Amino acid sequence: MPTISTSENTVGAAREAELLAGIPNQLFIGGAWLDSTSGRSIHVHDPATGEVIKTIADASVADGAAALDAAVAAQDSWAATAPRVRGEILRRAFELLQERKNDFALLMTLEMGKPLAEALGEVAYGGEFLRWFSEEAVRISGRYGSNPEGTGRMIVSQHPVGPSFLITPWNFPLAMATRKIAPALAAGCTVVIKPAELTPLTTLAFAQLLEEAGLPAGVVNVITTSTSSAVSGPIIADPRLRKLSFTGSTGVGQKLIQQSASGVLRVSMELGGNAPFVIFEDADLDKAVEGALIAKFRNIGQACTAANRFIVHESLADAFARRITERVSGYGIGRGTEDGVTIGPLINDDAVAKASELVADAVNRGAAIATGGAAIDGAGSFYEPTVLTGVQPGSDILREEIFGPVLAITTFRTEEEAVALANNTEYGLVSYVFTQDLARGHRMIEKLQTGMMGLNVGVVSNAAAPFGGVKQSGVGREGGLEGIHEYLSTKYTLIPNS
């Protein structure tokens, strides 16, 4: 069985208190830290203990309007700021983040629950968006040339879309903020960002960092709120807003797309996932096991890119399950600040209940629990890392995004069957394939209906790569050469020869 960590806190209560005391508890609007006009507060909890760790401002509709006012007021001057200057501010933010990586990692562990080692990994990943787009800011380009008729010259130029509204999820508090803010700033767009109610502290700390990096007032505005729909609705409906970017569930994304239609907003939507992890009979089992552990248990399984369905060739299923179970049963569970912890808490009790329901349904339909399979009593929202074997078609766990530390194994016989199983979902964010047959790998690139694919690797995310999905996993891309174009509009100008 997985073990519950009883080691000492490697950070210390005094260090935690000092860090939390330095995080603002106000809204960041127009370059100033302001109290909310609502008079309400948001209590931020440590999911490992259930205790309140910080109380912050709860924005009203009026506060949201003020944030958009500030972004609109700063838009023209920020768009006119030299690309080199915009890039240098992002570069300075990257450097400051590296200097404070331990603080940001600890903050994410406290408000979200992931182990410190993983939180440090997120700081490195999130920081790369700042560095990448600091370099892309000076590479925004167009083209110039004669039209085919020879009667004039064509100029194609790129321009900032304009004020942008960014809505980020709770599971990667830093990386989701930098992945949206960095390309927007590089392109010359001002932003209003609304972090998730469950994990808002990292975004507030990042706003402090941007201010210190030299970002002008009003370019980035942060509103934290417990009434997301009420506050977001008027911002999205405002004709001055030109861009909406959201990461979260498909259901919420669909509603936001509908709301954005009246203003014909540019939208980027990174929505739900149901990633297949396909292991063919010729796979390197050592690599497949290592890839599976990363793809499933990174961030406690709470990632849109987490492998959801392990589709394993029947000749390897028993060996794969046995080796995975040996590893998972040795995982340490506990608060992310403790030594030896691999699995921290889920974000809240609702997440624990969902994992429990999905496992119970799979077992009722014939699956077997190889290890784990239960919530952990006591403080915090913990669920045992779990391996299920023999998961049957029709099980909810094969259709729904798990968002927890549960690895579900089903089997196949033929390549065609594997492809059909992998594509049997309305989602299409990422897929993972393990095979030593290069030709088969290329066939999977063509056949699997996902926006990203890992071939013999369990992690695909990279700031230099376009992140996004197909089908109901969203529209648009974040990161890579493509990421900055989500915040740019193309203009064509014709100049006659005479």
Protein backbone atom coordinates (compact mmCIF):
# COMPACT_ATOMS: atom_id res chain seq x y z
CA MET A 1 0.00 0.00 0.00
CA PRO A 2 1.15 3.60 -0.51
CA THR A 3 2.74 5.03 2.60
CA ILE A 4 1.66 8.11 4.54
CA SER A 5 4.58 10.43 5.17
CA THR A 6 5.34 11.28 8.78
CA SER A 7 8.52 13.26 8.11
CA GLU A 8 9.17 16.78 9.31
CA ASN A 9 8.19 19.87 7.36
CA THR A 10 11.34 20.67 5.38
CA VAL A 11 10.47 24.37 5.19
CA GLY A 12 9.14 25.31 8.59
CA ALA A 13 6.05 27.14 9.78
CA ALA A 14 7.93 30.41 10.31
CA ARG A 15 9.12 30.48 6.69
CA GLU A 16 5.62 29.72 5.44
CA ALA A 17 4.13 32.51 7.54
CA GLU A 18 6.77 34.97 6.36
CA LEU A 19 6.11 34.14 2.72
CA LEU A 20 2.34 34.39 3.02
CA ALA A 21 2.56 37.69 4.86
CA GLY A 22 4.34 39.21 1.88
CA ILE A 23 1.61 38.30 -0.62
CA PRO A 24 -0.84 41.15 -1.34
CA ASN A 25 -4.44 40.66 -0.25
CA GLN A 26 -5.82 43.33 -2.58
CA LEU A 27 -6.71 43.69 -6.26
CA PHE A 28 -4.11 44.99 -8.70
CA ILE A 29 -5.75 47.61 -10.93
CA GLY A 30 -4.08 50.38 -12.89
CA GLY A 31 -0.74 49.80 -11.19
CA ALA A 32 -2.19 50.15 -7.67
CA TRP A 33 -3.16 47.64 -4.99
CA LEU A 34 -6.78 48.37 -4.14
CA ASP A 35 -9.41 47.04 -1.77
CA SER A 36 -12.48 45.46 -3.32
CA THR A 37 -15.64 47.51 -3.47
CA SER A 38 -17.66 44.39 -2.62
CA GLY A 39 -16.67 44.29 1.03
CA ARG A 40 -16.33 40.52 0.70
CA SER A 41 -13.28 38.31 1.16
CA ILE A 42 -11.96 35.03 -0.23
CA HIS A 43 -10.43 32.49 2.13
CA VAL A 44 -7.59 30.54 0.52
CA HIS A 45 -7.03 27.07 2.01
CA ASP A 46 -4.12 24.67 2.21
CA PRO A 47 -5.63 21.47 0.74
CA ALA A 48 -3.23 19.36 2.82
CA THR A 49 -4.66 20.62 6.09
CA GLY A 50 -7.92 22.37 5.22
CA GLU A 51 -6.70 25.45 7.11
CA VAL A 52 -7.10 29.02 5.84
CA ILE A 53 -3.68 30.37 4.88
CA LYS A 54 -4.66 33.80 3.50
CA THR A 55 -7.70 36.04 3.19
CA ILE A 56 -7.83 38.25 0.10
CA ALA A 57 -10.11 40.69 -1.69
CA ASP A 58 -13.20 39.39 -3.49
CA ALA A 59 -13.75 41.55 -6.58
CA SER A 60 -17.14 42.97 -7.49
CA VAL A 61 -18.58 43.68 -10.93
CA ALA A 62 -17.46 47.29 -10.50
CA ASP A 63 -13.92 46.13 -9.75
CA GLY A 64 -13.90 44.08 -12.95
CA ALA A 65 -15.05 47.11 -14.92
CA ALA A 66 -12.31 49.21 -13.32
CA ALA A 67 -9.70 46.62 -14.28
CA LEU A 68 -10.85 46.69 -17.91
CA ASP A 69 -10.88 50.50 -17.84
CA ALA A 70 -7.24 50.43 -16.75
CA ALA A 71 -6.28 47.94 -19.48
CA VAL A 72 -8.05 50.01 -22.14
CA ALA A 73 -6.39 53.22 -20.93
CA ALA A 74 -2.93 51.61 -21.14
CA GLN A 75 -3.46 49.84 -24.48
CA ASP A 76 -2.30 52.49 -26.95
CA SER A 77 0.87 53.38 -25.07
CA TRP A 78 1.79 49.74 -24.50
CA ALA A 79 1.19 48.89 -28.17
CA ALA A 80 3.45 51.79 -29.12
CA THR A 81 6.19 50.63 -26.75
CA ALA A 82 9.19 49.35 -28.68
CA PRO A 83 9.23 45.55 -29.01
CA ARG A 84 12.72 45.51 -27.53
CA VAL A 85 11.47 47.30 -24.43
CA ARG A 86 8.55 44.89 -24.07
CA GLY A 87 10.95 41.99 -24.46
CA GLU A 88 13.40 43.35 -21.91
CA ILE A 89 10.64 43.68 -19.30
CA LEU A 90 9.68 40.05 -19.86
CA ARG A 91 13.33 39.05 -19.65
CA ARG A 92 13.72 40.91 -16.38
CA ALA A 93 10.62 39.15 -15.07
CA PHE A 94 12.19 35.82 -16.03
CA GLU A 95 15.38 36.69 -14.15
CA LEU A 96 13.48 37.79 -11.05
CA LEU A 97 11.49 34.57 -11.12
CA GLN A 98 14.69 32.51 -11.16
CA GLU A 99 15.96 34.46 -8.16
CA ARG A 100 12.73 33.73 -6.27
CA LYS A 101 12.05 30.22 -7.51
CA ASN A 102 12.00 28.74 -4.02
CA ASP A 103 9.43 31.27 -2.83
CA PHE A 104 7.13 30.70 -5.79
CA ALA A 105 7.47 26.93 -5.46
CA LEU A 106 6.59 27.02 -1.77
CA LEU A 107 3.65 29.31 -2.43
CA MET A 108 2.21 26.90 -5.01
CA THR A 109 2.70 23.96 -2.66
CA LEU A 110 0.83 25.80 0.08
CA GLU A 111 -2.17 26.86 -1.99
CA MET A 112 -2.41 23.95 -4.43
CA GLY A 113 -0.76 20.99 -2.68
CA LYS A 114 1.80 19.69 -5.17
CA PRO A 115 5.12 18.46 -3.76
CA LEU A 116 7.89 21.04 -3.64
CA ALA A 117 9.98 19.25 -6.26
CA GLU A 118 7.09 19.44 -8.74
CA ALA A 119 6.40 23.05 -7.81
CA LEU A 120 10.03 23.90 -8.62
CA GLY A 121 9.51 22.16 -11.94
CA GLU A 122 6.52 24.39 -12.62
CA VAL A 123 8.58 27.49 -11.84
CA ALA A 124 11.13 26.36 -14.43
CA TYR A 125 8.40 25.58 -16.97
CA GLY A 126 6.43 28.77 -16.32
CA GLY A 127 9.56 30.87 -16.48
CA GLU A 128 10.37 29.59 -19.93
CA PHE A 129 7.28 31.34 -21.33
CA LEU A 130 8.68 34.63 -20.09
CA ARG A 131 12.06 33.93 -21.69
CA TRP A 132 10.60 32.56 -24.94
CA PHE A 133 8.21 35.44 -25.53
CA SER A 134 10.79 38.03 -24.49
CA GLU A 135 12.65 36.80 -27.56
CA GLU A 136 9.54 36.58 -29.76
CA ALA A 137 8.57 40.20 -29.04
CA VAL A 138 11.23 41.44 -31.44
CA ARG A 139 10.42 38.87 -34.13
CA ILE A 140 6.89 39.95 -35.00
CA SER A 141 7.11 40.25 -38.76
CA GLY A 142 5.07 40.80 -41.92
CA ARG A 143 5.82 40.78 -45.63
CA TYR A 144 6.13 43.14 -48.55
CA GLY A 145 6.00 42.51 -52.26
CA SER A 146 4.40 43.15 -55.60
CA ASN A 147 0.90 41.92 -56.27
CA PRO A 148 0.59 39.32 -59.04
CA GLU A 149 -0.80 41.87 -61.48
CA GLY A 150 2.17 44.17 -60.97
CA THR A 151 -0.08 47.15 -60.31
CA GLY A 152 0.91 47.76 -56.72
CA ARG A 153 2.76 46.73 -53.60
CA MET A 154 1.27 44.59 -50.85
CA ILE A 155 2.16 45.14 -47.20
CA VAL A 156 1.07 42.53 -44.65
CA SER A 157 1.60 43.69 -41.08
CA GLN A 158 0.81 42.37 -37.61
CA HIS A 159 -0.83 44.48 -34.87
CA PRO A 160 -1.86 43.87 -31.25
CA VAL A 161 -5.38 42.51 -30.94
CA GLY A 162 -6.04 44.81 -28.00
CA PRO A 163 -7.23 44.48 -24.40
CA SER A 164 -7.41 40.81 -23.42
CA PHE A 165 -9.20 38.93 -20.65
CA LEU A 166 -7.33 35.91 -19.33
CA ILE A 167 -8.97 33.27 -17.12
CA THR A 168 -6.62 30.73 -15.55
CA PRO A 169 -7.23 27.40 -13.72
CA TRP A 170 -6.13 26.31 -10.27
CA ASN A 171 -3.87 23.38 -11.12
CA PHE A 172 -0.80 25.22 -12.50
CA PRO A 173 -1.04 28.64 -10.83
CA LEU A 174 2.18 30.07 -12.25
CA ALA A 175 2.57 28.37 -15.63
CA MET A 176 -0.98 29.12 -16.75
CA ALA A 177 -0.48 32.78 -15.88
CA THR A 178 2.85 33.12 -17.67
CA ARG A 179 1.65 31.08 -20.66
CA LYS A 180 -1.09 33.66 -21.26
CA ILE A 181 0.44 36.90 -19.98
CA ALA A 182 3.83 36.58 -21.70
CA PRO A 183 2.59 36.33 -25.33
CA ALA A 184 -0.01 39.04 -24.71
CA LEU A 185 2.61 41.47 -23.44
CA ALA A 186 5.07 40.52 -26.17
CA ALA A 187 2.43 41.25 -28.81
CA GLY A 188 1.59 44.63 -27.29
CA CYS A 189 -1.72 43.73 -25.59
CA THR A 190 -2.81 44.82 -22.14
CA VAL A 191 -4.62 42.29 -19.96
CA VAL A 192 -7.03 41.66 -17.16
CA ILE A 193 -6.33 38.30 -15.55
CA LYS A 194 -8.69 36.41 -13.28
CA PRO A 195 -6.97 33.53 -11.46
CA ALA A 196 -8.92 30.64 -10.01
CA GLU A 197 -10.55 31.26 -6.65
CA LEU A 198 -8.83 28.18 -5.22
CA THR A 199 -5.25 29.26 -6.05
CA PRO A 200 -5.05 33.03 -6.53
CA LEU A 201 -1.97 33.80 -4.45
CA THR A 202 0.64 32.87 -7.06
CA THR A 203 -0.87 35.30 -9.59
CA LEU A 204 -0.88 38.09 -7.02
CA ALA A 205 2.79 37.40 -6.27
CA PHE A 206 3.55 37.35 -9.99
CA ALA A 207 1.88 40.76 -10.41
CA GLN A 208 4.23 42.08 -7.74
CA LEU A 209 7.14 40.66 -9.71
CA LEU A 210 5.98 42.23 -12.98
CA GLU A 211 5.66 45.59 -11.26
CA GLU A 212 9.23 45.29 -10.02
CA ALA A 213 10.36 44.26 -13.51
CA GLY A 214 9.24 47.66 -14.79
CA LEU A 215 5.85 46.90 -16.30
CA PRO A 216 3.88 50.16 -16.73
CA ALA A 217 0.69 50.73 -14.76
CA GLY A 218 -2.45 49.24 -16.26
CA VAL A 219 -0.74 46.79 -18.59
CA VAL A 220 -1.55 43.83 -16.30
CA ASN A 221 -4.52 43.97 -13.93
CA VAL A 222 -5.45 41.18 -11.49
CA ILE A 223 -8.93 40.57 -10.13
CA THR A 224 -9.66 37.76 -7.68
CA THR A 225 -13.29 36.83 -7.18
CA SER A 226 -15.63 34.16 -5.86
CA THR A 227 -18.38 35.25 -8.29
CA SER A 228 -16.64 34.47 -11.56
CA SER A 229 -19.67 34.49 -13.84
CA ALA A 230 -21.05 37.73 -12.47
CA VAL A 231 -17.73 39.56 -12.74
CA SER A 232 -16.60 38.03 -16.04
CA GLY A 233 -19.87 38.49 -17.92
CA PRO A 234 -19.76 42.30 -18.19
CA ILE A 235 -16.06 42.24 -19.10
CA ILE A 236 -16.69 39.79 -21.95
CA ALA A 237 -19.71 41.82 -23.13
CA ASP A 238 -17.79 45.11 -23.15
CA PRO A 239 -17.13 46.18 -26.78
CA ARG A 240 -13.66 47.42 -25.83
CA LEU A 241 -12.47 43.89 -25.05
CA ARG A 242 -10.92 42.18 -28.07
CA LYS A 243 -9.57 38.85 -26.81
CA LEU A 244 -10.61 36.09 -24.40
CA SER A 245 -8.31 33.28 -23.30
CA PHE A 246 -9.51 30.52 -20.97
CA THR A 247 -8.11 27.29 -19.57
CA GLY A 248 -10.54 24.99 -17.81
CA SER A 249 -13.40 22.60 -18.35
CA THR A 250 -15.09 22.12 -21.69
CA GLY A 251 -18.49 22.97 -20.24
CA VAL A 252 -17.36 26.37 -18.98
CA GLY A 253 -15.40 26.98 -22.19
CA GLN A 254 -18.50 26.39 -24.29
CA LYS A 255 -20.42 28.98 -22.27
CA LEU A 256 -17.61 31.51 -22.61
CA ILE A 257 -17.47 30.99 -26.38
CA GLN A 258 -21.20 31.67 -26.53
CA GLN A 259 -20.77 34.84 -24.49
CA SER A 260 -17.90 36.01 -26.68
CA ALA A 261 -19.91 35.59 -29.88
CA SER A 262 -21.78 38.88 -29.53
CA GLY A 263 -18.52 40.81 -29.62
CA VAL A 264 -16.90 38.44 -32.14
CA LEU A 265 -13.93 38.17 -29.80
CA ARG A 266 -10.74 36.36 -30.65
CA VAL A 267 -10.78 33.32 -28.39
CA SER A 268 -8.21 30.82 -27.18
CA MET A 269 -9.69 27.85 -25.35
CA GLU A 270 -7.62 25.11 -23.70
CA LEU A 271 -10.30 22.78 -22.42
CA GLY A 272 -10.77 19.25 -21.11
CA GLY A 273 -8.75 16.19 -21.96
CA ASN A 274 -9.09 12.41 -21.97
CA ALA A 275 -5.57 11.43 -22.99
CA PRO A 276 -4.97 7.88 -24.25
CA PHE A 277 -1.66 6.21 -23.36
CA VAL A 278 -1.17 3.44 -25.92
CA ILE A 279 1.44 0.73 -25.34
CA PHE A 280 2.04 -1.56 -28.31
CA GLU A 281 3.43 -5.10 -28.07
CA ASP A 282 6.89 -3.99 -29.27
CA ALA A 283 7.22 -1.15 -26.75
CA ASP A 284 10.27 -0.77 -24.52
CA LEU A 285 8.53 -1.66 -21.26
CA ASP A 286 11.07 0.20 -19.11
CA LYS A 287 10.42 3.42 -21.01
CA ALA A 288 6.68 2.81 -21.03
CA VAL A 289 6.57 2.40 -17.25
CA GLU A 290 8.61 5.54 -16.63
CA GLY A 291 6.53 7.50 -19.13
CA ALA A 292 3.30 6.25 -17.60
CA LEU A 293 4.27 7.29 -14.08
CA ILE A 294 5.08 10.81 -15.24
CA ALA A 295 2.07 11.13 -17.53
CA LYS A 296 -0.34 9.94 -14.85
CA PHE A 297 0.96 11.08 -11.46
CA ARG A 298 2.57 14.43 -12.31
CA ASN A 299 0.69 17.13 -10.42
CA ILE A 300 -1.17 14.35 -8.54
CA GLY A 301 -2.95 13.52 -11.78
CA GLN A 302 -4.55 16.98 -11.83
CA ALA A 303 -3.50 18.04 -15.31
CA CYS A 304 -5.39 18.31 -18.58
CA THR A 305 -2.45 16.47 -20.17
CA ALA A 306 -2.57 13.62 -17.64
CA ALA A 307 -2.91 10.19 -19.19
CA ASN A 308 -6.48 9.10 -18.56
CA ARG A 309 -6.83 5.75 -20.36
CA PHE A 310 -3.98 3.24 -20.47
CA ILE A 311 -4.63 1.16 -23.57
CA VAL A 312 -2.14 -1.71 -23.34
CA HIS A 313 -1.58 -4.60 -25.74
CA GLU A 314 -2.87 -7.76 -24.12
CA SER A 315 0.56 -9.43 -24.32
CA LEU A 316 2.09 -6.73 -22.07
CA ALA A 317 -0.85 -5.84 -19.85
CA ASP A 318 0.01 -8.13 -16.93
CA ALA A 319 3.69 -7.21 -16.88
CA PHE A 320 2.93 -3.51 -17.21
CA ALA A 321 0.35 -3.62 -14.42
CA ARG A 322 2.68 -5.55 -12.12
CA ARG A 323 5.59 -3.14 -12.57
CA ILE A 324 3.42 -0.05 -12.29
CA THR A 325 1.80 -1.38 -9.13
CA GLU A 326 5.18 -2.08 -7.53
CA ARG A 327 6.21 1.53 -8.09
CA VAL A 328 2.94 3.19 -7.15
CA SER A 329 2.49 1.18 -3.96
CA GLY A 330 5.73 2.70 -2.67
CA TYR A 331 4.69 6.31 -3.21
CA GLY A 332 4.71 8.56 -0.16
CA ILE A 333 1.55 10.56 0.52
CA GLY A 334 1.51 13.76 2.52
CA ARG A 335 1.87 17.51 2.60
CA GLY A 336 4.05 18.70 -0.26
CA THR A 337 6.55 20.36 2.08
CA GLU A 338 7.52 17.02 3.65
CA ASP A 339 10.42 14.79 2.62
CA GLY A 340 9.61 11.69 0.62
CA VAL A 341 6.21 12.86 -0.61
CA THR A 342 5.26 11.96 -4.17
CA ILE A 343 1.50 12.38 -3.87
CA GLY A 344 0.10 15.50 -2.25
CA PRO A 345 -3.56 16.30 -1.60
CA LEU A 346 -6.19 16.77 -4.26
CA ILE A 347 -7.43 20.31 -4.51
CA ASN A 348 -10.57 19.78 -2.39
CA ASP A 349 -13.06 17.23 -1.08
CA ASP A 350 -15.09 17.37 -4.29
CA ALA A 351 -12.07 16.07 -6.21
CA VAL A 352 -11.72 13.20 -3.74
CA ALA A 353 -15.39 12.35 -4.10
CA LYS A 354 -15.09 12.30 -7.90
CA ALA A 355 -12.10 9.94 -7.80
CA SER A 356 -13.97 7.67 -5.40
CA GLU A 357 -17.04 7.58 -7.65
CA LEU A 358 -15.04 6.78 -10.79
CA VAL A 359 -13.15 3.95 -9.08
CA ALA A 360 -16.33 2.51 -7.58
CA ASP A 361 -18.05 2.52 -10.97
CA ALA A 362 -15.08 0.81 -12.65
CA VAL A 363 -14.96 -1.89 -9.95
CA ASN A 364 -18.69 -2.46 -10.17
CA ARG A 365 -18.24 -3.07 -13.91
CA GLY A 366 -15.51 -5.65 -13.40
CA ALA A 367 -12.20 -3.80 -12.84
CA ALA A 368 -9.80 -4.91 -10.10
CA ILE A 369 -7.89 -2.66 -7.70
CA ALA A 370 -4.20 -3.52 -7.80
CA THR A 371 -3.26 -0.88 -5.24
CA GLY A 372 -4.90 2.10 -3.55
CA GLY A 373 -8.54 2.75 -4.31
CA ALA A 374 -9.64 4.74 -1.28
CA ALA A 375 -9.82 8.20 0.20
CA ILE A 376 -7.65 8.82 3.24
CA ASP A 377 -9.37 9.83 6.47
CA GLY A 378 -8.14 12.82 8.42
CA ALA A 379 -7.18 16.38 7.64
CA GLY A 380 -6.76 17.42 4.03
CA SER A 381 -8.17 16.05 0.79
CA PHE A 382 -6.04 12.98 0.10
CA TYR A 383 -6.74 10.02 -2.18
CA GLU A 384 -4.50 7.00 -2.47
CA PRO A 385 -2.56 6.63 -5.75
CA THR A 386 -4.47 3.85 -7.45
CA VAL A 387 -3.99 1.26 -10.19
CA LEU A 388 -7.02 -0.39 -11.78
CA THR A 389 -6.71 -3.40 -14.08
CA GLY A 390 -9.25 -4.96 -16.42
CA VAL A 391 -11.26 -1.77 -16.84
CA GLN A 392 -14.29 -2.62 -18.95
CA PRO A 393 -15.81 -0.71 -21.88
CA GLY A 394 -18.57 1.62 -20.74
CA SER A 395 -16.87 2.49 -17.46
CA ASP A 396 -17.19 6.16 -16.53
CA ILE A 397 -13.45 6.36 -15.92
CA LEU A 398 -12.85 5.79 -19.65
CA ARG A 399 -15.15 8.67 -20.61
CA GLU A 400 -14.61 11.30 -17.95
CA GLU A 401 -11.49 13.27 -17.12
CA ILE A 402 -10.20 11.74 -13.87
CA PHE A 403 -8.13 14.66 -12.51
CA GLY A 404 -6.73 12.47 -9.77
CA PRO A 405 -4.05 9.81 -9.10
CA VAL A 406 -5.90 6.87 -10.65
CA LEU A 407 -4.31 4.79 -13.42
CA ALA A 408 -6.88 2.75 -15.37
CA ILE A 409 -5.73 -0.10 -17.63
CA THR A 410 -7.69 -1.62 -20.49
CA THR A 411 -6.40 -3.88 -23.27
CA PHE A 412 -6.40 -4.27 -27.05
CA ARG A 413 -5.27 -6.80 -29.66
CA THR A 414 -4.79 -5.00 -32.98
CA GLU A 415 -3.48 -1.62 -34.06
CA GLU A 416 -6.86 -0.74 -35.53
CA GLU A 417 -8.54 -1.53 -32.21
CA ALA A 418 -6.02 0.64 -30.34
CA VAL A 419 -6.69 3.59 -32.64
CA ALA A 420 -10.45 3.17 -32.31
CA LEU A 421 -10.22 3.05 -28.51
CA ALA A 422 -7.92 6.06 -28.37
CA ASN A 423 -10.17 8.17 -30.60
CA ASN A 424 -13.39 7.12 -28.87
CA THR A 425 -13.84 10.41 -27.02
CA GLU A 426 -15.11 13.91 -27.69
CA TYR A 427 -11.76 15.24 -26.44
CA GLY A 428 -8.52 15.57 -28.36
CA LEU A 429 -5.83 17.33 -26.37
CA VAL A 430 -2.86 14.95 -26.15
CA SER A 431 -2.01 11.31 -26.73
CA TYR A 432 0.94 9.14 -25.76
CA VAL A 433 2.22 6.23 -27.83
CA PHE A 434 4.95 3.72 -26.99
CA THR A 435 6.30 1.62 -29.84
CA GLN A 436 9.73 0.85 -31.29
CA ASP A 437 8.28 0.64 -34.80
CA LEU A 438 9.01 3.98 -36.49
CA ALA A 439 6.50 3.38 -39.27
CA ARG A 440 3.80 2.66 -36.70
CA GLY A 441 4.75 5.82 -34.83
CA HIS A 442 4.21 7.84 -38.01
CA ARG A 443 0.86 6.14 -38.55
CA MET A 444 -0.20 7.16 -35.06
CA ILE A 445 0.73 10.79 -35.79
CA GLU A 446 -1.67 10.64 -38.72
CA LYS A 447 -4.46 8.64 -37.07
CA LEU A 448 -4.77 9.84 -33.48
CA GLN A 449 -7.14 12.78 -33.18
CA THR A 450 -5.22 15.00 -30.78
CA GLY A 451 -3.50 18.35 -30.99
CA MET A 452 -0.34 16.98 -29.36
CA MET A 453 1.34 13.60 -29.13
CA GLY A 454 4.20 12.12 -27.14
CA LEU A 455 6.00 9.31 -28.95
CA ASN A 456 7.90 7.20 -26.38
CA VAL A 457 7.77 10.07 -23.89
CA GLY A 458 5.42 10.91 -21.02
CA VAL A 459 5.67 14.72 -21.00
CA VAL A 460 5.15 16.93 -24.05
CA SER A 461 4.79 20.45 -22.64
CA ASN A 462 7.43 22.96 -23.70
CA ALA A 463 7.34 26.73 -24.03
CA ALA A 464 8.75 26.47 -27.57
CA ALA A 465 5.95 24.13 -28.71
CA PRO A 466 2.33 24.93 -29.61
CA PHE A 467 0.07 23.69 -26.80
CA GLY A 468 -3.58 22.98 -27.62
CA GLY A 469 -6.12 20.46 -28.76
CA VAL A 470 -8.77 19.54 -31.29
CA LYS A 471 -12.43 18.53 -31.03
CA GLN A 472 -13.85 19.59 -27.65
CA SER A 473 -10.40 20.12 -26.15
CA GLY A 474 -10.35 23.64 -27.48
CA VAL A 475 -9.23 26.12 -30.13
CA GLY A 476 -6.02 28.07 -30.54
CA ARG A 477 -2.50 27.39 -29.35
CA GLU A 478 -0.32 28.64 -26.49
CA GLY A 479 3.46 28.65 -26.65
CA GLY A 480 5.77 28.22 -29.61
CA LEU A 481 5.87 30.39 -32.70
CA GLU A 482 2.10 30.09 -32.84
CA GLY A 483 1.45 31.46 -29.36
CA ILE A 484 2.10 35.12 -30.04
CA HIS A 485 -0.17 35.13 -33.10
CA GLU A 486 -3.16 34.49 -30.84
CA TYR A 487 -2.67 38.11 -29.72
CA LEU A 488 -2.00 39.64 -33.14
CA SER A 489 -4.30 40.66 -35.97
CA THR A 490 -3.18 40.69 -39.60
CA LYS A 491 -3.60 43.81 -41.74
CA TYR A 492 -3.17 43.92 -45.52
CA THR A 493 -2.41 47.23 -47.22
CA LEU A 494 -2.23 47.83 -50.99
CA ILE A 495 -0.12 50.69 -52.35
CA PRO A 496 -0.68 51.39 -56.06
CA ASN A 497 2.33 51.90 -58.29
CA SER A 498 0.99 55.25 -59.44
